[in-house]
C-alpha atoms as a PDB file:
ATOM      1  CA  UNK A   1     135.828  67.141  68.420  1.00  0.00           C
ATOM      2  CA  UNK A   2     137.232  70.842  70.549  1.00  0.00           C
ATOM      3  CA  UNK A   3     137.420  70.457  73.980  1.00  0.00           C
ATOM      4  CA  UNK A   4     135.478  73.047  76.617  1.00  0.00           C
ATOM      5  CA  UNK A   5     137.079  73.738  80.098  1.00  0.00           C
ATOM      6  CA  UNK A   6     134.698  74.587  82.324  1.00  0.00           C
ATOM      7  CA  UNK A   7     134.467  74.065  85.946  1.00  0.00           C
ATOM      8  CA  UNK A   8     133.317  74.655  89.595  1.00  0.00           C
ATOM      9  CA  UNK A   9     135.010  77.410  90.796  1.00  0.00           C
ATOM     10  CA  UNK A  10     137.068  76.968  93.692  1.00  0.00           C
ATOM     11  CA  UNK A  11     137.562  78.269  97.422  1.00  0.00           C
ATOM     12  CA  UNK A  12     139.881  80.576  96.504  1.00  0.00           C
ATOM     13  CA  UNK A  13     136.743  81.772  93.867  1.00  0.00           C
ATOM     14  CA  UNK A  14     138.651  81.094  90.690  1.00  0.00           C
ATOM     15  CA  UNK A  15     137.636  77.784  88.319  1.00  0.00           C
ATOM     16  CA  UNK A  16     139.392  75.035  88.291  1.00  0.00           C
ATOM     17  CA  UNK A  17     139.699  73.196  85.397  1.00  0.00           C
ATOM     18  CA  UNK A  18     137.830  69.910  83.458  1.00  0.00           C
ATOM     19  CA  UNK A  19     137.823  70.015  80.331  1.00  0.00           C
ATOM     20  CA  UNK A  20     134.805  68.837  78.407  1.00  0.00           C
ATOM     21  CA  UNK A  21     134.119  68.318  74.258  1.00  0.00           C
ATOM     22  CA  UNK A  22     132.544  70.635  73.343  1.00  0.00           C
ATOM     23  CA  UNK A  23     129.715  69.889  71.057  1.00  0.00           C
ATOM     24  CA  UNK A  24     129.448  70.728  67.150  1.00  0.00           C
ATOM     25  CA  UNK A  25     126.150  72.280  65.665  1.00  0.00           C
ATOM     26  CA  UNK A  26     126.072  68.943  63.535  1.00  0.00           C
ATOM     27  CA  UNK A  27     126.042  66.953  66.958  1.00  0.00           C
ATOM     28  CA  UNK A  28     124.119  69.888  68.653  1.00  0.00           C
ATOM     29  CA  UNK A  29     120.885  68.726  65.868  1.00  0.00           C
ATOM     30  CA  UNK A  30     121.394  65.279  67.806  1.00  0.00           C
ATOM     31  CA  UNK A  31     121.864  65.508  71.176  1.00  0.00           C
ATOM     32  CA  UNK A  32     119.118  66.009  74.185  1.00  0.00           C
ATOM     33  CA  UNK A  33     118.328  69.938  74.526  1.00  0.00           C
ATOM     34  CA  UNK A  34     117.230  70.989  78.804  1.00  0.00           C
ATOM     35  CA  UNK A  35     115.381  74.023  78.768  1.00  0.00           C
ATOM     36  CA  UNK A  36     117.613  76.747  80.310  1.00  0.00           C
ATOM     37  CA  UNK A  37     116.370  79.217  82.758  1.00  0.00           C
ATOM     38  CA  UNK A  38     118.000  82.269  84.137  1.00  0.00           C
ATOM     39  CA  UNK A  39     119.658  81.438  87.016  1.00  0.00           C
ATOM     40  CA  UNK A  40     120.877  84.867  88.405  1.00  0.00           C
ATOM     41  CA  UNK A  41     118.127  86.036  88.411  1.00  0.00           C
ATOM     42  CA  UNK A  42     115.989  83.153  90.942  1.00  0.00           C
ATOM     43  CA  UNK A  43     116.294  84.772  94.853  1.00  0.00           C
ATOM     44  CA  UNK A  44     117.970  83.100  97.308  1.00  0.00           C
ATOM     45  CA  UNK A  45     114.678  80.452  98.266  1.00  0.00           C
ATOM     46  CA  UNK A  46     114.363  79.533  94.648  1.00  0.00           C
ATOM     47  CA  UNK A  47     117.889  79.311  93.573  1.00  0.00           C
ATOM     48  CA  UNK A  48     118.520  76.684  96.686  1.00  0.00           C
ATOM     49  CA  UNK A  49     114.699  75.009  95.807  1.00  0.00           C
ATOM     50  CA  UNK A  50     116.352  75.155  91.442  1.00  0.00           C
ATOM     51  CA  UNK A  51     118.876  73.410  92.258  1.00  0.00           C
ATOM     52  CA  UNK A  52     117.881  70.844  95.013  1.00  0.00           C
ATOM     53  CA  UNK A  53     115.435  69.366  93.068  1.00  0.00           C
ATOM     54  CA  UNK A  54     117.974  69.582  89.880  1.00  0.00           C
ATOM     55  CA  UNK A  55     120.273  67.764  92.086  1.00  0.00           C
ATOM     56  CA  UNK A  56     117.595  65.010  92.837  1.00  0.00           C
ATOM     57  CA  UNK A  57     116.171  64.425  88.870  1.00  0.00           C
ATOM     58  CA  UNK A  58     120.131  63.447  87.920  1.00  0.00           C
ATOM     59  CA  UNK A  59     120.629  61.598  91.216  1.00  0.00           C
ATOM     60  CA  UNK A  60     117.888  59.405  90.758  1.00  0.00           C
ATOM     61  CA  UNK A  61     119.436  58.000  87.003  1.00  0.00           C
ATOM     62  CA  UNK A  62     122.408  55.866  87.406  1.00  0.00           C
ATOM     63  CA  UNK A  63     126.023  57.375  86.956  1.00  0.00           C
ATOM     64  CA  UNK A  64     127.088  54.845  83.946  1.00  0.00           C
ATOM     65  CA  UNK A  65     123.558  55.907  82.057  1.00  0.00           C
ATOM     66  CA  UNK A  66     123.503  59.397  82.828  1.00  0.00           C
ATOM     67  CA  UNK A  67     127.250  59.885  82.015  1.00  0.00           C
ATOM     68  CA  UNK A  68     127.337  62.315  85.467  1.00  0.00           C
ATOM     69  CA  UNK A  69     130.511  61.360  87.785  1.00  0.00           C
ATOM     70  CA  UNK A  70     128.932  60.268  91.484  1.00  0.00           C
ATOM     71  CA  UNK A  71     131.476  62.379  93.503  1.00  0.00           C
ATOM     72  CA  UNK A  72     129.731  65.310  91.082  1.00  0.00           C
ATOM     73  CA  UNK A  73     126.194  65.261  91.565  1.00  0.00           C
ATOM     74  CA  UNK A  74     127.100  64.200  95.649  1.00  0.00           C
ATOM     75  CA  UNK A  75     129.072  67.431  95.520  1.00  0.00           C
ATOM     76  CA  UNK A  76     126.365  69.187  93.596  1.00  0.00           C
ATOM     77  CA  UNK A  77     123.560  67.261  96.357  1.00  0.00           C
ATOM     78  CA  UNK A  78     126.288  69.771  99.103  1.00  0.00           C
ATOM     79  CA  UNK A  79     126.442  72.959  97.743  1.00  0.00           C
ATOM     80  CA  UNK A  80     122.161  72.248  97.295  1.00  0.00           C
ATOM     81  CA  UNK A  81     121.922  72.053 101.008  1.00  0.00           C
ATOM     82  CA  UNK A  82     124.209  75.046 102.078  1.00  0.00           C
ATOM     83  CA  UNK A  83     121.775  77.036 100.084  1.00  0.00           C
ATOM     84  CA  UNK A  84     119.128  75.806 101.344  1.00  0.00           C
ATOM     85  CA  UNK A  85     121.057  76.147 105.347  1.00  0.00           C
ATOM     86  CA  UNK A  86     121.719  79.766 103.619  1.00  0.00           C
ATOM     87  CA  UNK A  87     117.988  81.299 102.689  1.00  0.00           C
ATOM     88  CA  UNK A  88     116.116  80.294 106.011  1.00  0.00           C
ATOM     89  CA  UNK A  89     118.846  80.942 108.596  1.00  0.00           C
ATOM     90  CA  UNK A  90     119.596  84.304 107.018  1.00  0.00           C
ATOM     91  CA  UNK A  91     115.783  85.168 107.796  1.00  0.00           C
ATOM     92  CA  UNK A  92     115.273  82.718 111.004  1.00  0.00           C
ATOM     93  CA  UNK A  93     116.570  83.573 114.415  1.00  0.00           C
ATOM     94  CA  UNK A  94     115.033  82.959 117.700  1.00  0.00           C
ATOM     95  CA  UNK A  95     113.961  86.989 117.804  1.00  0.00           C
ATOM     96  CA  UNK A  96     111.445  86.600 114.740  1.00  0.00           C
ATOM     97  CA  UNK A  97     108.643  85.151 116.520  1.00  0.00           C
ATOM     98  CA  UNK A  98     109.757  87.624 119.404  1.00  0.00           C
ATOM     99  CA  UNK A  99     109.468  90.792 117.492  1.00  0.00           C
ATOM    100  CA  UNK A 100     106.042  89.032 115.789  1.00  0.00           C
ATOM    101  CA  UNK A 101     104.567  89.120 119.013  1.00  0.00           C
ATOM    102  CA  UNK A 102     106.211  92.731 120.299  1.00  0.00           C
ATOM    103  CA  UNK A 103     104.965  94.446 117.164  1.00  0.00           C
ATOM    104  CA  UNK A 104     101.413  93.089 117.433  1.00  0.00           C
ATOM    105  CA  UNK A 105     101.546  93.931 120.589  1.00  0.00           C
ATOM    106  CA  UNK A 106     102.739  97.643 119.506  1.00  0.00           C
ATOM    107  CA  UNK A 107     100.386  98.683 117.475  1.00  0.00           C
ATOM    108  CA  UNK A 108      97.747  97.318 119.106  1.00  0.00           C
ATOM    109  CA  UNK A 109      98.642  99.020 121.340  1.00  0.00           C
ATOM    110  CA  UNK A 110      98.801 102.611 119.156  1.00  0.00           C
ATOM    111  CA  UNK A 111      95.892 101.403 117.902  1.00  0.00           C
ATOM    112  CA  UNK A 112      94.336 101.938 121.323  1.00  0.00           C
ATOM    113  CA  UNK A 113      95.628 105.534 121.863  1.00  0.00           C
ATOM    114  CA  UNK A 114      93.588 106.662 118.632  1.00  0.00           C
ATOM    115  CA  UNK A 115      90.418 104.816 119.856  1.00  0.00           C
ATOM    116  CA  UNK A 116      90.452 106.863 122.039  1.00  0.00           C
ATOM    117  CA  UNK A 117      91.646 110.211 120.649  1.00  0.00           C
ATOM    118  CA  UNK A 118      88.768 110.450 118.250  1.00  0.00           C
ATOM    119  CA  UNK A 119      86.264 109.052 120.640  1.00  0.00           C
ATOM    120  CA  UNK A 120      87.150 111.967 123.055  1.00  0.00           C
ATOM    121  CA  UNK A 121      86.357 114.427 120.658  1.00  0.00           C
ATOM    122  CA  UNK A 122      82.553 113.904 120.573  1.00  0.00           C
ATOM    123  CA  UNK A 123      82.775 113.308 125.311  1.00  0.00           C
ATOM    124  CA  UNK A 124      80.230 115.528 127.066  1.00  0.00           C
ATOM    125  CA  UNK A 125      83.037 116.595 129.302  1.00  0.00           C
ATOM    126  CA  UNK A 126      84.118 119.986 127.323  1.00  0.00           C
ATOM    127  CA  UNK A 127      88.715 119.796 128.708  1.00  0.00           C
ATOM    128  CA  UNK A 128      88.330 116.006 127.645  1.00  0.00           C
ATOM    129  CA  UNK A 129      86.715 116.886 124.073  1.00  0.00           C
ATOM    130  CA  UNK A 130      89.446 119.647 123.385  1.00  0.00           C
ATOM    131  CA  UNK A 131      91.920 117.622 124.690  1.00  0.00           C
ATOM    132  CA  UNK A 132      90.773 114.939 122.291  1.00  0.00           C
ATOM    133  CA  UNK A 133      90.574 117.975 119.858  1.00  0.00           C
ATOM    134  CA  UNK A 134      94.353 119.018 119.824  1.00  0.00           C
ATOM    135  CA  UNK A 135      95.997 115.242 119.791  1.00  0.00           C
ATOM    136  CA  UNK A 136      93.776 114.625 116.837  1.00  0.00           C
ATOM    137  CA  UNK A 137      95.429 116.698 115.238  1.00  0.00           C
ATOM    138  CA  UNK A 138      99.108 114.565 115.814  1.00  0.00           C
ATOM    139  CA  UNK A 139      97.794 111.186 115.852  1.00  0.00           C
ATOM    140  CA  UNK A 140      95.682 111.311 112.333  1.00  0.00           C
ATOM    141  CA  UNK A 141      98.858 110.988 110.766  1.00  0.00           C
ATOM    142  CA  UNK A 142      99.776 107.782 112.163  1.00  0.00           C
ATOM    143  CA  UNK A 143      96.424 106.516 111.649  1.00  0.00           C
ATOM    144  CA  UNK A 144      97.975 104.058 109.356  1.00  0.00           C
ATOM    145  CA  UNK A 145     100.825 102.939 111.370  1.00  0.00           C
ATOM    146  CA  UNK A 146      98.977  99.010 110.991  1.00  0.00           C
ATOM    147  CA  UNK A 147      99.352  98.439 106.957  1.00  0.00           C
ATOM    148  CA  UNK A 148     102.944 100.080 106.886  1.00  0.00           C
ATOM    149  CA  UNK A 149     105.681  97.406 106.304  1.00  0.00           C
ATOM    150  CA  UNK A 150     107.436  97.048 110.504  1.00  0.00           C
ATOM    151  CA  UNK A 151     110.189  98.629 109.520  1.00  0.00           C
ATOM    152  CA  UNK A 152     108.683 101.390 108.367  1.00  0.00           C
ATOM    153  CA  UNK A 153     106.099 100.858 111.695  1.00  0.00           C
ATOM    154  CA  UNK A 154     108.978 101.808 113.875  1.00  0.00           C
ATOM    155  CA  UNK A 155     110.269 104.828 111.971  1.00  0.00           C
ATOM    156  CA  UNK A 156     106.115 106.160 112.767  1.00  0.00           C
ATOM    157  CA  UNK A 157     106.437 105.084 116.113  1.00  0.00           C
ATOM    158  CA  UNK A 158     109.482 107.009 117.682  1.00  0.00           C
ATOM    159  CA  UNK A 159     107.905 109.800 115.426  1.00  0.00           C
ATOM    160  CA  UNK A 160     104.543 109.936 117.069  1.00  0.00           C
ATOM    161  CA  UNK A 161     105.784 109.108 120.609  1.00  0.00           C
ATOM    162  CA  UNK A 162     108.308 112.062 119.971  1.00  0.00           C
ATOM    163  CA  UNK A 163     105.130 114.120 119.212  1.00  0.00           C
ATOM    164  CA  UNK A 164     102.973 113.008 122.201  1.00  0.00           C
ATOM    165  CA  UNK A 165     105.606 113.149 124.789  1.00  0.00           C
ATOM    166  CA  UNK A 166     106.577 116.190 124.451  1.00  0.00           C
ATOM    167  CA  UNK A 167     105.143 119.254 127.684  1.00  0.00           C
ATOM    168  CA  UNK A 168     102.288 120.498 125.628  1.00  0.00           C
ATOM    169  CA  UNK A 169     100.672 116.726 125.293  1.00  0.00           C
ATOM    170  CA  UNK A 170     101.036 115.939 128.908  1.00  0.00           C
ATOM    171  CA  UNK A 171      97.564 117.648 130.138  1.00  0.00           C
ATOM    172  CA  UNK A 172      95.889 116.510 127.344  1.00  0.00           C
ATOM    173  CA  UNK A 173      97.024 113.468 127.545  1.00  0.00           C
ATOM    174  CA  UNK A 174      96.200 113.165 130.879  1.00  0.00           C
ATOM    175  CA  UNK A 175      93.036 114.167 130.793  1.00  0.00           C
ATOM    176  CA  UNK A 176      91.730 110.973 128.436  1.00  0.00           C
ATOM    177  CA  UNK A 177      93.190 109.004 130.454  1.00  0.00           C
ATOM    178  CA  UNK A 178      96.748 108.177 128.482  1.00  0.00           C
ATOM    179  CA  UNK A 179      99.399 109.333 129.491  1.00  0.00           C
ATOM    180  CA  UNK A 180     100.090 105.420 130.642  1.00  0.00           C
ATOM    181  CA  UNK A 181      99.764 104.024 127.196  1.00  0.00           C
ATOM    182  CA  UNK A 182     101.419 106.758 125.516  1.00  0.00           C
ATOM    183  CA  UNK A 183     104.583 105.191 127.988  1.00  0.00           C
ATOM    184  CA  UNK A 184     103.495 101.722 126.980  1.00  0.00           C
ATOM    185  CA  UNK A 185     103.647 102.085 123.503  1.00  0.00           C
ATOM    186  CA  UNK A 186     106.771 104.089 124.011  1.00  0.00           C
ATOM    187  CA  UNK A 187     108.269 100.825 126.124  1.00  0.00           C
ATOM    188  CA  UNK A 188     106.644  98.713 123.324  1.00  0.00           C
ATOM    189  CA  UNK A 189     108.937 100.210 120.655  1.00  0.00           C
ATOM    190  CA  UNK A 190     112.485 100.024 122.867  1.00  0.00           C
ATOM    191  CA  UNK A 191     111.974  96.611 123.182  1.00  0.00           C
ATOM    192  CA  UNK A 192     111.238  95.770 119.390  1.00  0.00           C
ATOM    193  CA  UNK A 193     114.283  97.885 118.620  1.00  0.00           C
ATOM    194  CA  UNK A 194     116.523  96.352 121.054  1.00  0.00           C
ATOM    195  CA  UNK A 195     115.216  92.560 120.072  1.00  0.00           C
ATOM    196  CA  UNK A 196     116.301  93.801 115.706  1.00  0.00           C
ATOM    197  CA  UNK A 197     119.373  95.011 117.134  1.00  0.00           C
ATOM    198  CA  UNK A 198     120.500  92.134 118.627  1.00  0.00           C
ATOM    199  CA  UNK A 199     118.995  89.814 115.643  1.00  0.00           C
ATOM    200  CA  UNK A 200     120.966  92.348 113.051  1.00  0.00           C
ATOM    201  CA  UNK A 201     124.011  90.804 115.891  1.00  0.00           C
ATOM    202  CA  UNK A 202     123.830  87.160 115.757  1.00  0.00           C
ATOM    203  CA  UNK A 203     123.330  87.386 111.613  1.00  0.00           C
ATOM    204  CA  UNK A 204     126.345  88.785 111.012  1.00  0.00           C
ATOM    205  CA  UNK A 205     128.233  86.114 113.373  1.00  0.00           C
ATOM    206  CA  UNK A 206     126.501  83.466 111.774  1.00  0.00           C
ATOM    207  CA  UNK A 207     127.281  85.243 108.223  1.00  0.00           C
ATOM    208  CA  UNK A 208     130.305  85.006 108.845  1.00  0.00           C
ATOM    209  CA  UNK A 209     130.893  81.473 109.328  1.00  0.00           C
ATOM    210  CA  UNK A 210     129.573  80.580 106.603  1.00  0.00           C
ATOM    211  CA  UNK A 211     131.272  81.358 103.125  1.00  0.00           C
ATOM    212  CA  UNK A 212     128.452  84.237 100.840  1.00  0.00           C
ATOM    213  CA  UNK A 213     125.515  83.009  99.312  1.00  0.00           C
ATOM    214  CA  UNK A 214     126.655  84.244  95.522  1.00  0.00           C
ATOM    215  CA  UNK A 215     129.317  82.143  95.891  1.00  0.00           C
ATOM    216  CA  UNK A 216     127.694  78.666  96.783  1.00  0.00           C
ATOM    217  CA  UNK A 217     124.609  80.318  93.883  1.00  0.00           C
ATOM    218  CA  UNK A 218     127.976  80.404  91.208  1.00  0.00           C
ATOM    219  CA  UNK A 219     129.535  76.726  92.400  1.00  0.00           C
ATOM    220  CA  UNK A 220     126.256  75.529  92.475  1.00  0.00           C
ATOM    221  CA  UNK A 221     125.476  77.034  88.903  1.00  0.00           C
ATOM    222  CA  UNK A 222     129.241  76.123  87.425  1.00  0.00           C
ATOM    223  CA  UNK A 223     127.660  72.496  87.961  1.00  0.00           C
ATOM    224  CA  UNK A 224     124.860  72.084  86.653  1.00  0.00           C
ATOM    225  CA  UNK A 225     125.890  74.134  83.331  1.00  0.00           C
ATOM    226  CA  UNK A 226     128.487  71.292  83.770  1.00  0.00           C
ATOM    227  CA  UNK A 227     126.079  68.988  84.095  1.00  0.00           C
ATOM    228  CA  UNK A 228     123.457  69.594  81.227  1.00  0.00           C
ATOM    229  CA  UNK A 229     126.325  69.150  79.444  1.00  0.00           C
ATOM    230  CA  UNK A 230     127.350  66.360  80.171  1.00  0.00           C
ATOM    231  CA  UNK A 231     124.092  65.036  79.814  1.00  0.00           C
ATOM    232  CA  UNK A 232     123.954  65.528  76.252  1.00  0.00           C
ATOM    233  CA  UNK A 233     127.940  63.555  75.463  1.00  0.00           C
ATOM    234  CA  UNK A 234     126.283  60.506  77.635  1.00  0.00           C
ATOM    235  CA  UNK A 235     123.830  60.812  75.676  1.00  0.00           C
ATOM    236  CA  UNK A 236     126.326  61.237  72.091  1.00  0.00           C
ATOM    237  CA  UNK A 237     127.960  57.849  73.252  1.00  0.00           C
ATOM    238  CA  UNK A 238     125.057  55.995  74.179  1.00  0.00           C
ATOM    239  CA  UNK A 239     124.592  52.335  72.305  1.00  0.00           C
ATOM    240  CA  UNK A 240     121.186  51.413  73.442  1.00  0.00           C
ATOM    241  CA  UNK A 241     118.372  52.664  73.626  1.00  0.00           C
ATOM    242  CA  UNK A 242     117.285  52.137  76.600  1.00  0.00           C
ATOM    243  CA  UNK A 243     119.807  54.864  77.864  1.00  0.00           C
ATOM    244  CA  UNK A 244     118.658  57.158  75.386  1.00  0.00           C
ATOM    245  CA  UNK A 245     115.148  56.235  76.379  1.00  0.00           C
ATOM    246  CA  UNK A 246     116.467  57.456  79.836  1.00  0.00           C
ATOM    247  CA  UNK A 247     118.248  59.746  79.244  1.00  0.00           C
ATOM    248  CA  UNK A 248     115.793  62.051  77.491  1.00  0.00           C
ATOM    249  CA  UNK A 249     113.844  61.240  79.791  1.00  0.00           C
ATOM    250  CA  UNK A 250     115.811  63.196  82.115  1.00  0.00           C
ATOM    251  CA  UNK A 251     115.593  66.444  80.357  1.00  0.00           C
ATOM    252  CA  UNK A 252     112.402  66.395  79.690  1.00  0.00           C
ATOM    253  CA  UNK A 253     112.411  66.205  84.121  1.00  0.00           C
ATOM    254  CA  UNK A 254     114.674  68.903  84.034  1.00  0.00           C
ATOM    255  CA  UNK A 255     113.247  70.744  81.574  1.00  0.00           C
ATOM    256  CA  UNK A 256     109.273  70.555  82.817  1.00  0.00           C
ATOM    257  CA  UNK A 257     111.642  71.525  85.849  1.00  0.00           C
ATOM    258  CA  UNK A 258     113.232  75.353  84.538  1.00  0.00           C
ATOM    259  CA  UNK A 259     109.950  75.867  83.601  1.00  0.00           C
ATOM    260  CA  UNK A 260     108.461  75.684  86.898  1.00  0.00           C
ATOM    261  CA  UNK A 261     110.406  77.668  88.655  1.00  0.00           C
ATOM    262  CA  UNK A 262     110.251  80.156  85.900  1.00  0.00           C
ATOM    263  CA  UNK A 263     106.045  80.120  86.416  1.00  0.00           C
ATOM    264  CA  UNK A 264     107.523  80.742  90.130  1.00  0.00           C
ATOM    265  CA  UNK A 265     109.365  83.235  89.898  1.00  0.00           C
ATOM    266  CA  UNK A 266     107.598  85.299  87.120  1.00  0.00           C
ATOM    267  CA  UNK A 267     104.856  84.987  89.809  1.00  0.00           C
ATOM    268  CA  UNK A 268     106.005  85.977  92.270  1.00  0.00           C
ATOM    269  CA  UNK A 269     107.587  89.203  90.301  1.00  0.00           C
ATOM    270  CA  UNK A 270     103.962  90.504  89.588  1.00  0.00           C
ATOM    271  CA  UNK A 271     102.769  89.874  92.955  1.00  0.00           C
ATOM    272  CA  UNK A 272     105.672  91.955  94.643  1.00  0.00           C
ATOM    273  CA  UNK A 273     104.543  94.524  92.378  1.00  0.00           C
ATOM    274  CA  UNK A 274     101.249  94.720  92.985  1.00  0.00           C
ATOM    275  CA  UNK A 275     101.961  94.274  96.656  1.00  0.00           C
ATOM    276  CA  UNK A 276     104.024  97.447  96.195  1.00  0.00           C
ATOM    277  CA  UNK A 277     101.471  99.459  93.880  1.00  0.00           C
ATOM    278  CA  UNK A 278      98.846  99.114  96.659  1.00  0.00           C
ATOM    279  CA  UNK A 279     101.702 100.455  98.884  1.00  0.00           C
ATOM    280  CA  UNK A 280     102.181 102.403  96.994  1.00  0.00           C
ATOM    281  CA  UNK A 281      98.564 103.723  96.710  1.00  0.00           C
ATOM    282  CA  UNK A 282      98.030 103.302 100.977  1.00  0.00           C
ATOM    283  CA  UNK A 283     100.361 105.901 101.489  1.00  0.00           C
ATOM    284  CA  UNK A 284      99.125 108.594  99.104  1.00  0.00           C
ATOM    285  CA  UNK A 285      96.215 108.444 100.296  1.00  0.00           C
ATOM    286  CA  UNK A 286      97.897 108.922 103.710  1.00  0.00           C
END
C-alpha cells in the first residue's frame, strides 16, 4: 500500500506534510464512498455552513471508531467557527442598520418630491403647473430609484440632486414648495455616504486583524479531504461489523449533507440569476 502526502496549510500558506496510505483501485471498491462537492464554488456563508455541520457529524462519532484524531477535528472545528465569524463580520457593523434606516428616509424623500412634481402638473395655478412640467423633465428619469440597489441609488441621487440644485431650477422648486425637501434629500444622501465610508474603514481595520477568508477556506478544505481519507482507511481496517456500520452511517450523513448544500447552492444561483434578469428588464423600461 502506497502513501500519499497531504495535510493542512500552515500559517505561511504552505502545506505541512502528513503521510496517509493511498488506496489502490481494488481497495477502493471495498471502502466507503462519500459524495463529492465542489467547495470552491460555494460562497463564504455556504462554505462555512458546510464545514461547520460536516465537522459536527464527524465529531459525534468516537475517534477510535472513525479513525479521525480528536486533535484534527478540534482544529477543523476552530476553522469552521472562524469561517462563520469571517462570513458574518465582513457584512455586519454598527452602521449597517443605521444605513438601512437612512436609505429608507432618502428614498421616501425622493419619492415625495416625485409625487409633488407629478401632482403639481395638474395645478390650477399656471405658474405652479409650468414649474412642475419643467421639473418633471428631470425627475421622470429617476422615478424608479426605489427599485435600485442601495449603491446604484446613491449614484442616481447624486445626479438627481445635482440637477435639482442648478440655478435655473431654484424658482420652479420655490413655486412648488420643494426647496426644503431637496435640501433635506441632499443632507440625507450625504449622511448615508459618510456612514458608508466609515463602515468601509471599520471593515478594513477588522480584516487587518484576521487572516484572509481564502486562507481559512483552504485549510478547512484540506482537513476535510484528509478526514475523508481517514474514514476510508478506518473502514478498511475495521475489525467489527459495528465499526463498519458506524462509519457507513457517517459516510451516508456526509454524502446527504454534500447533496443538500449543493442543492442550496443551485437554488441560490437560480435566485440570483432571476433577480439580475428582473433588474435588467426594469432598467431597460426606465
